[in-house]
Every structure is written in C-alpha cells, then in structure tokens.
Amino acid sequence: MDDLEKTGEKFNLQTFMVARELCIQVTESVIKKIKPGDDCKKIEKLIVDEFNSHGVTHFWHPTKVRISSDTIKSFREISDPHLQCRTGDICFLDVGPIIEGHEADYGRTFTIDIAEHQNALIQASHQVFELTAQAWKTQQLSGLQLLEFARAAAESRGFDINPMMAGHRLGDFPHKIFSSQKLFEWNGVPTQNLWVLEIHLIDKKNNRGAFYEDLLL
C-alpha cells in the first residue's frame, strides 16, 4: 500500500461503512425537507440540525450548498447567499461529517418539486459516476486515467467535467495527516474503501452543474 493510503490505528472498516450509510441517510432526509424559497443559510441549518439529531456534531470539511447558477462553482468558491431554491431548478449538497471518529463524504444534485429523472444533467452525473467507478473496478485505472475516462463519458453526453472537483482520500479523522492527494492528479490506482470519486458536470449552455460523490467500493 502506498504511504498516502495509510490509515490511523483507530481505523475500523465496519465503523467507516456505518458512517457512510448514516451520512447518505441524513443527507437524503435533508433533501426531502428543502422547499422553494430556501437559501443556503437555511439549508445549512437544516443539515446541522439533522446531523445533530443523530448525535453528529462535527464536520471534517465545510458543508457546501449550491443553488441554481452556483452549481457550476468549485469547492473553494463561496456560495451566493442571496440565491434561493426555485421550483424546477437544481441544487446540490456536499457534506463531510465525522461519525464515530471516521470521515464520511457524500454529495448529490437534486431538483426542487419536480422528478429528478426529467433532468438530463443530473442523470448524466449519476451515469458518469457509475461508469467511471466500474472502469476503476474492472480496468484498475489510475487517478489520472479516471479523469480522462470521466471526461470522455461526460463529453459524449454533451457536458464538460470540472477536474477541480477531483475526489480524495477518506479514513479515520483526520486522513490529511497521511495525504491531501487529489484523486484526478494521482498516477496510482486507488485502493477500495479509501477514496471518494467526485463527478462534477458542467452544462455551459444552461449555466448549471451537477455533482455526485460517493466512496469507491
């Protein structure tokens, strides 16, 4: 195992997987509560309150709430506090809680008051994620190769990929004592259950983005 894939002595795979499942469960619960007119501050409070109700009080990275035109922004860019969710528009969440001393990270794009399957950009983000994850699993692609695979899959669907949203290590908190390596900039083949894959598609024509993030299992 590469040094940057090390974990701490307290790392427990079962706890790590429970953290992932809880993170997904809570995030999906929050999404169901978001209404037209909500802004990022209200949604951030929903996220904190929902995680607190499950005993989770700390996050290893800042929560990102992207609404409407903000969905094209990369992680380090600041959300526009004036944007509000609108019926028929898209938003995405990216949350990174610390659960039982282990990191989770999950993100996905959703629509407000309409069926998500009607949005081609959101569907493409899921498809590109699944295809790229499958290519990693079956072809043992490196991080750099995964970027090129994902880029081709995105472009074949009429969208661009944002390489700045690249995926990264996870583990027992904090994984960064071992590595801050970005997945799409790494020439190694990622080990299962230690890396998240991030797919951020950009629809330049409509000025919208769709994000999907989960663990490479």
C-alpha atoms as a PDB file:
ATOM      1  CA  MET A   1       0.000   0.000   0.000  1.00  0.00           C
ATOM      2  CA  ASP A   2       1.234   3.481  -0.912  1.00  0.00           C
ATOM      3  CA  ASP A   3       2.136   5.678   2.089  1.00  0.00           C
ATOM      4  CA  LEU A   4      -0.607   8.123   1.156  1.00  0.00           C
ATOM      5  CA  GLU A   5      -3.172   5.331   1.630  1.00  0.00           C
ATOM      6  CA  LYS A   6      -2.261   4.722   5.260  1.00  0.00           C
ATOM      7  CA  THR A   7      -4.886   4.885   7.991  1.00  0.00           C
ATOM      8  CA  GLY A   8      -4.562   5.510  11.717  1.00  0.00           C
ATOM      9  CA  GLU A   9      -4.587   2.897  14.453  1.00  0.00           C
ATOM     10  CA  LYS A  10      -8.231   3.655  15.264  1.00  0.00           C
ATOM     11  CA  PHE A  11      -9.467   2.997  11.719  1.00  0.00           C
ATOM     12  CA  ASN A  12     -12.216   0.383  11.640  1.00  0.00           C
ATOM     13  CA  LEU A  13     -13.709  -0.564   8.285  1.00  0.00           C
ATOM     14  CA  GLN A  14     -17.083  -1.528   9.725  1.00  0.00           C
ATOM     15  CA  THR A  15     -17.400   1.806  11.556  1.00  0.00           C
ATOM     16  CA  PHE A  16     -16.268   3.595   8.402  1.00  0.00           C
ATOM     17  CA  MET A  17     -19.042   1.923   6.375  1.00  0.00           C
ATOM     18  CA  VAL A  18     -21.651   2.696   9.025  1.00  0.00           C
ATOM     19  CA  ALA A  19     -20.527   6.343   8.851  1.00  0.00           C
ATOM     20  CA  ARG A  20     -21.022   6.326   5.076  1.00  0.00           C
ATOM     21  CA  GLU A  21     -24.524   4.886   5.339  1.00  0.00           C
ATOM     22  CA  LEU A  22     -25.569   7.363   8.026  1.00  0.00           C
ATOM     23  CA  CYS A  23     -24.187  10.266   6.028  1.00  0.00           C
ATOM     24  CA  ILE A  24     -26.215   9.239   2.980  1.00  0.00           C
ATOM     25  CA  GLN A  25     -29.336   8.652   5.081  1.00  0.00           C
ATOM     26  CA  VAL A  26     -29.181  12.050   6.777  1.00  0.00           C
ATOM     27  CA  THR A  27     -28.367  13.927   3.573  1.00  0.00           C
ATOM     28  CA  GLU A  28     -31.302  12.333   1.776  1.00  0.00           C
ATOM     29  CA  SER A  29     -33.544  13.285   4.700  1.00  0.00           C
ATOM     30  CA  VAL A  30     -32.408  16.904   4.417  1.00  0.00           C
ATOM     31  CA  ILE A  31     -33.062  16.971   0.672  1.00  0.00           C
ATOM     32  CA  LYS A  32     -36.671  15.913   1.248  1.00  0.00           C
ATOM     33  CA  LYS A  33     -37.184  18.908   3.565  1.00  0.00           C
ATOM     34  CA  ILE A  34     -35.851  21.592   1.202  1.00  0.00           C
ATOM     35  CA  LYS A  35     -38.557  23.853  -0.204  1.00  0.00           C
ATOM     36  CA  PRO A  36     -38.801  26.604  -2.837  1.00  0.00           C
ATOM     37  CA  GLY A  37     -37.549  29.858  -1.329  1.00  0.00           C
ATOM     38  CA  ASP A  38     -34.911  28.238   0.889  1.00  0.00           C
ATOM     39  CA  ASP A  39     -31.459  29.826   0.709  1.00  0.00           C
ATOM     40  CA  CYS A  40     -28.066  28.325   1.528  1.00  0.00           C
ATOM     41  CA  LYS A  41     -28.096  29.542   5.151  1.00  0.00           C
ATOM     42  CA  LYS A  42     -31.440  27.888   5.853  1.00  0.00           C
ATOM     43  CA  ILE A  43     -30.301  24.666   4.192  1.00  0.00           C
ATOM     44  CA  GLU A  44     -27.006  24.681   6.105  1.00  0.00           C
ATOM     45  CA  LYS A  45     -29.009  24.937   9.341  1.00  0.00           C
ATOM     46  CA  LEU A  46     -31.204  22.037   8.223  1.00  0.00           C
ATOM     47  CA  ILE A  47     -28.071  19.969   7.661  1.00  0.00           C
ATOM     48  CA  VAL A  48     -26.598  20.801  11.068  1.00  0.00           C
ATOM     49  CA  ASP A  49     -29.884  20.144  12.863  1.00  0.00           C
ATOM     50  CA  GLU A  50     -30.470  16.836  11.089  1.00  0.00           C
ATOM     51  CA  PHE A  51     -26.969  15.554  11.814  1.00  0.00           C
ATOM     52  CA  ASN A  52     -27.176  16.795  15.415  1.00  0.00           C
ATOM     53  CA  SER A  53     -30.355  14.760  15.854  1.00  0.00           C
ATOM     54  CA  HIS A  54     -28.228  11.690  15.077  1.00  0.00           C
ATOM     55  CA  GLY A  55     -25.506  12.698  17.525  1.00  0.00           C
ATOM     56  CA  VAL A  56     -23.164  14.087  14.849  1.00  0.00           C
ATOM     57  CA  THR A  57     -21.764  17.495  15.773  1.00  0.00           C
ATOM     58  CA  HIS A  58     -18.540  17.908  13.782  1.00  0.00           C
ATOM     59  CA  PHE A  59     -17.612  18.031  10.105  1.00  0.00           C
ATOM     60  CA  TRP A  60     -14.196  17.475   8.599  1.00  0.00           C
ATOM     61  CA  HIS A  61     -14.871  19.843   5.683  1.00  0.00           C
ATOM     62  CA  PRO A  62     -17.181  22.836   5.292  1.00  0.00           C
ATOM     63  CA  THR A  63     -20.675  21.966   4.106  1.00  0.00           C
ATOM     64  CA  LYS A  64     -21.365  23.175   0.573  1.00  0.00           C
ATOM     65  CA  VAL A  65     -24.839  24.174  -0.575  1.00  0.00           C
ATOM     66  CA  ARG A  66     -25.052  25.149  -4.234  1.00  0.00           C
ATOM     67  CA  ILE A  67     -28.245  26.642  -5.645  1.00  0.00           C
ATOM     68  CA  SER A  68     -29.120  27.399  -9.273  1.00  0.00           C
ATOM     69  CA  SER A  69     -26.210  29.127 -11.075  1.00  0.00           C
ATOM     70  CA  ASP A  70     -23.931  28.391  -8.088  1.00  0.00           C
ATOM     71  CA  THR A  71     -23.954  24.722  -9.106  1.00  0.00           C
ATOM     72  CA  ILE A  72     -21.097  25.422 -11.549  1.00  0.00           C
ATOM     73  CA  LYS A  73     -18.767  26.528  -8.720  1.00  0.00           C
ATOM     74  CA  SER A  74     -15.796  24.503  -7.461  1.00  0.00           C
ATOM     75  CA  PHE A  75     -15.382  23.557  -3.813  1.00  0.00           C
ATOM     76  CA  ARG A  76     -13.372  26.558  -2.605  1.00  0.00           C
ATOM     77  CA  GLU A  77     -15.656  29.162  -4.179  1.00  0.00           C
ATOM     78  CA  ILE A  78     -18.131  30.982  -1.939  1.00  0.00           C
ATOM     79  CA  SER A  79     -21.863  30.392  -2.353  1.00  0.00           C
ATOM     80  CA  ASP A  80     -24.091  33.373  -3.171  1.00  0.00           C
ATOM     81  CA  PRO A  81     -26.194  33.906  -0.005  1.00  0.00           C
ATOM     82  CA  HIS A  82     -28.954  35.631  -1.992  1.00  0.00           C
ATOM     83  CA  LEU A  83     -29.823  32.698  -4.241  1.00  0.00           C
ATOM     84  CA  GLN A  84     -32.984  30.785  -3.364  1.00  0.00           C
ATOM     85  CA  CYS A  85     -34.257  27.386  -4.430  1.00  0.00           C
ATOM     86  CA  ARG A  86     -36.797  27.641  -7.220  1.00  0.00           C
ATOM     87  CA  THR A  87     -39.298  25.102  -8.494  1.00  0.00           C
ATOM     88  CA  GLY A  88     -37.825  23.212 -11.418  1.00  0.00           C
ATOM     89  CA  ASP A  89     -34.245  24.363 -10.772  1.00  0.00           C
ATOM     90  CA  ILE A  90     -31.377  22.259  -9.431  1.00  0.00           C
ATOM     91  CA  CYS A  91     -29.222  22.407  -6.301  1.00  0.00           C
ATOM     92  CA  PHE A  92     -26.597  20.198  -4.740  1.00  0.00           C
ATOM     93  CA  LEU A  93     -25.231  19.380  -1.301  1.00  0.00           C
ATOM     94  CA  ASP A  94     -21.721  18.228  -0.351  1.00  0.00           C
ATOM     95  CA  VAL A  95     -21.377  17.156   3.280  1.00  0.00           C
ATOM     96  CA  GLY A  96     -18.441  15.723   5.220  1.00  0.00           C
ATOM     97  CA  PRO A  97     -19.391  14.700   8.763  1.00  0.00           C
ATOM     98  CA  ILE A  98     -17.197  12.991  11.342  1.00  0.00           C
ATOM     99  CA  ILE A  99     -19.068   9.962  12.674  1.00  0.00           C
ATOM    100  CA  GLU A 100     -17.581   7.824  15.447  1.00  0.00           C
ATOM    101  CA  GLY A 101     -14.153   9.264  14.658  1.00  0.00           C
ATOM    102  CA  HIS A 102     -14.440   8.362  10.966  1.00  0.00           C
ATOM    103  CA  GLU A 103     -14.940  10.612   7.950  1.00  0.00           C
ATOM    104  CA  ALA A 104     -17.847  10.390   5.571  1.00  0.00           C
ATOM    105  CA  ASP A 105     -18.395  12.389   2.404  1.00  0.00           C
ATOM    106  CA  TYR A 106     -21.439  12.411   0.169  1.00  0.00           C
ATOM    107  CA  GLY A 107     -22.831  14.771  -2.400  1.00  0.00           C
ATOM    108  CA  ARG A 108     -25.551  14.790  -4.994  1.00  0.00           C
ATOM    109  CA  THR A 109     -27.693  17.082  -7.078  1.00  0.00           C
ATOM    110  CA  PHE A 110     -31.463  17.279  -6.802  1.00  0.00           C
ATOM    111  CA  THR A 111     -34.391  19.170  -8.246  1.00  0.00           C
ATOM    112  CA  ILE A 112     -36.980  21.285  -6.476  1.00  0.00           C
ATOM    113  CA  ASP A 113     -40.535  19.950  -6.730  1.00  0.00           C
ATOM    114  CA  ILE A 114     -40.046  18.004  -9.970  1.00  0.00           C
ATOM    115  CA  ALA A 115     -38.855  14.463 -10.696  1.00  0.00           C
ATOM    116  CA  GLU A 116     -35.070  14.232 -10.983  1.00  0.00           C
ATOM    117  CA  HIS A 117     -35.258  11.730 -13.849  1.00  0.00           C
ATOM    118  CA  GLN A 118     -36.558  14.578 -16.001  1.00  0.00           C
ATOM    119  CA  ASN A 119     -33.230  16.411 -15.697  1.00  0.00           C
ATOM    120  CA  ALA A 120     -30.653  15.132 -18.207  1.00  0.00           C
ATOM    121  CA  LEU A 121     -27.729  16.803 -16.432  1.00  0.00           C
ATOM    122  CA  ILE A 122     -28.477  15.108 -13.108  1.00  0.00           C
ATOM    123  CA  GLN A 123     -28.954  11.758 -14.803  1.00  0.00           C
ATOM    124  CA  ALA A 124     -25.649  12.194 -16.618  1.00  0.00           C
ATOM    125  CA  SER A 125     -23.817  12.869 -13.335  1.00  0.00           C
ATOM    126  CA  HIS A 126     -25.040   9.528 -11.991  1.00  0.00           C
ATOM    127  CA  GLN A 127     -24.198   7.719 -15.210  1.00  0.00           C
ATOM    128  CA  VAL A 128     -20.686   9.142 -15.473  1.00  0.00           C
ATOM    129  CA  PHE A 129     -20.045   8.297 -11.823  1.00  0.00           C
ATOM    130  CA  GLU A 130     -21.198   4.692 -12.242  1.00  0.00           C
ATOM    131  CA  LEU A 131     -19.282   4.182 -15.483  1.00  0.00           C
ATOM    132  CA  THR A 132     -16.100   5.663 -14.035  1.00  0.00           C
ATOM    133  CA  ALA A 133     -16.378   3.622 -10.843  1.00  0.00           C
ATOM    134  CA  GLN A 134     -16.922   0.482 -12.906  1.00  0.00           C
ATOM    135  CA  ALA A 135     -13.893   1.287 -15.072  1.00  0.00           C
ATOM    136  CA  TRP A 136     -11.787   1.667 -11.927  1.00  0.00           C
ATOM    137  CA  LYS A 137     -13.039  -1.677 -10.658  1.00  0.00           C
ATOM    138  CA  THR A 138     -12.608  -3.669 -13.870  1.00  0.00           C
ATOM    139  CA  GLN A 139      -9.639  -1.949 -15.520  1.00  0.00           C
ATOM    140  CA  GLN A 140      -7.613  -0.884 -12.467  1.00  0.00           C
ATOM    141  CA  LEU A 141      -7.312   2.676 -13.750  1.00  0.00           C
ATOM    142  CA  SER A 142      -5.122   5.239 -12.016  1.00  0.00           C
ATOM    143  CA  GLY A 143      -6.496   8.540 -10.774  1.00  0.00           C
ATOM    144  CA  LEU A 144      -5.183  10.318 -13.874  1.00  0.00           C
ATOM    145  CA  GLN A 145      -6.782   7.702 -16.110  1.00  0.00           C
ATOM    146  CA  LEU A 146     -10.070   8.023 -14.246  1.00  0.00           C
ATOM    147  CA  LEU A 147     -10.132  11.721 -15.078  1.00  0.00           C
ATOM    148  CA  GLU A 148      -9.704  11.025 -18.780  1.00  0.00           C
ATOM    149  CA  PHE A 149     -12.336   8.288 -18.676  1.00  0.00           C
ATOM    150  CA  ALA A 150     -14.804  10.568 -16.882  1.00  0.00           C
ATOM    151  CA  ARG A 151     -14.066  13.439 -19.251  1.00  0.00           C
ATOM    152  CA  ALA A 152     -14.830  11.277 -22.287  1.00  0.00           C
ATOM    153  CA  ALA A 153     -18.025   9.946 -20.704  1.00  0.00           C
ATOM    154  CA  ALA A 154     -19.160  13.497 -19.885  1.00  0.00           C
ATOM    155  CA  GLU A 155     -18.376  14.888 -23.329  1.00  0.00           C
ATOM    156  CA  SER A 156     -20.229  12.027 -25.017  1.00  0.00           C
ATOM    157  CA  ARG A 157     -23.319  13.274 -23.173  1.00  0.00           C
ATOM    158  CA  GLY A 158     -22.776  16.889 -24.178  1.00  0.00           C
ATOM    159  CA  PHE A 159     -21.264  18.127 -20.896  1.00  0.00           C
ATOM    160  CA  ASP A 160     -17.855  19.178 -19.569  1.00  0.00           C
ATOM    161  CA  ILE A 161     -16.214  17.798 -16.452  1.00  0.00           C
ATOM    162  CA  ASN A 162     -14.718  20.038 -13.786  1.00  0.00           C
ATOM    163  CA  PRO A 163     -11.312  18.497 -12.879  1.00  0.00           C
ATOM    164  CA  MET A 164     -11.063  20.719  -9.795  1.00  0.00           C
ATOM    165  CA  MET A 165     -13.692  18.525  -8.112  1.00  0.00           C
ATOM    166  CA  ALA A 166     -11.397  15.560  -8.160  1.00  0.00           C
ATOM    167  CA  GLY A 167     -12.057  13.078  -5.367  1.00  0.00           C
ATOM    168  CA  HIS A 168      -9.709  12.383  -2.479  1.00  0.00           C
ATOM    169  CA  ARG A 169      -8.800  10.146   0.449  1.00  0.00           C
ATOM    170  CA  LEU A 170     -11.051   9.367   3.407  1.00  0.00           C
ATOM    171  CA  GLY A 171     -10.482   7.423   6.599  1.00  0.00           C
ATOM    172  CA  ASP A 172     -10.387   7.899  10.338  1.00  0.00           C
ATOM    173  CA  PHE A 173     -10.204  11.591  11.144  1.00  0.00           C
ATOM    174  CA  PRO A 174      -8.001  13.272  10.050  1.00  0.00           C
ATOM    175  CA  HIS A 175      -6.925  11.453   6.879  1.00  0.00           C
ATOM    176  CA  LYS A 176      -4.864  14.522   5.908  1.00  0.00           C
ATOM    177  CA  ILE A 177      -2.056  13.564   8.275  1.00  0.00           C
ATOM    178  CA  PHE A 178      -1.275  10.950   5.629  1.00  0.00           C
ATOM    179  CA  SER A 179      -2.404  12.586   2.398  1.00  0.00           C
ATOM    180  CA  SER A 180      -4.154  15.516   0.741  1.00  0.00           C
ATOM    181  CA  GLN A 181      -3.741  13.927  -2.682  1.00  0.00           C
ATOM    182  CA  LYS A 182      -6.405  14.743  -5.285  1.00  0.00           C
ATOM    183  CA  LEU A 183      -7.636  11.597  -6.998  1.00  0.00           C
ATOM    184  CA  PHE A 184      -7.577  13.002 -10.538  1.00  0.00           C
ATOM    185  CA  GLU A 185      -3.964  14.144 -10.121  1.00  0.00           C
ATOM    186  CA  TRP A 186      -2.620  10.816  -8.846  1.00  0.00           C
ATOM    187  CA  ASN A 187      -0.845   8.253 -11.005  1.00  0.00           C
ATOM    188  CA  GLY A 188      -1.610   5.409  -8.592  1.00  0.00           C
ATOM    189  CA  VAL A 189      -4.549   3.007  -8.641  1.00  0.00           C
ATOM    190  CA  PRO A 190      -6.842   3.834  -5.704  1.00  0.00           C
ATOM    191  CA  THR A 191      -7.474   1.148  -3.109  1.00  0.00           C
ATOM    192  CA  GLN A 192     -11.103   0.265  -2.457  1.00  0.00           C
ATOM    193  CA  ASN A 193     -12.895   1.795   0.543  1.00  0.00           C
ATOM    194  CA  LEU A 194     -10.404   4.660   0.948  1.00  0.00           C
ATOM    195  CA  TRP A 195     -11.179   7.122  -1.841  1.00  0.00           C
ATOM    196  CA  VAL A 196     -14.214   9.115  -2.885  1.00  0.00           C
ATOM    197  CA  LEU A 197     -14.884   9.782  -6.541  1.00  0.00           C
ATOM    198  CA  GLU A 198     -16.316  13.194  -7.382  1.00  0.00           C
ATOM    199  CA  ILE A 199     -18.086  13.859 -10.656  1.00  0.00           C
ATOM    200  CA  HIS A 200     -18.951  17.492 -11.359  1.00  0.00           C
ATOM    201  CA  LEU A 201     -20.531  18.011 -14.771  1.00  0.00           C
ATOM    202  CA  ILE A 202     -20.965  21.466 -16.294  1.00  0.00           C
ATOM    203  CA  ASP A 203     -23.708  22.406 -18.749  1.00  0.00           C
ATOM    204  CA  LYS A 204     -22.252  25.568 -20.270  1.00  0.00           C
ATOM    205  CA  LYS A 205     -25.331  26.249 -22.381  1.00  0.00           C
ATOM    206  CA  ASN A 206     -27.634  26.480 -19.362  1.00  0.00           C
ATOM    207  CA  ASN A 207     -25.051  27.646 -16.791  1.00  0.00           C
ATOM    208  CA  ARG A 208     -25.760  24.730 -14.457  1.00  0.00           C
ATOM    209  CA  GLY A 209     -23.708  21.979 -12.884  1.00  0.00           C
ATOM    210  CA  ALA A 210     -24.490  18.576 -11.400  1.00  0.00           C
ATOM    211  CA  PHE A 211     -22.394  16.927  -8.708  1.00  0.00           C
ATOM    212  CA  TYR A 212     -22.267  13.355  -7.459  1.00  0.00           C
ATOM    213  CA  GLU A 213     -19.843  11.994  -4.865  1.00  0.00           C
ATOM    214  CA  ASP A 214     -19.502   8.686  -3.062  1.00  0.00           C
ATOM    215  CA  LEU A 215     -16.948   6.132  -1.952  1.00  0.00           C
ATOM    216  CA  LEU A 216     -15.194   3.837  -4.416  1.00  0.00           C
ATOM    217  CA  LEU A 217     -16.334   0.481  -3.009  1.00  0.00           C
END
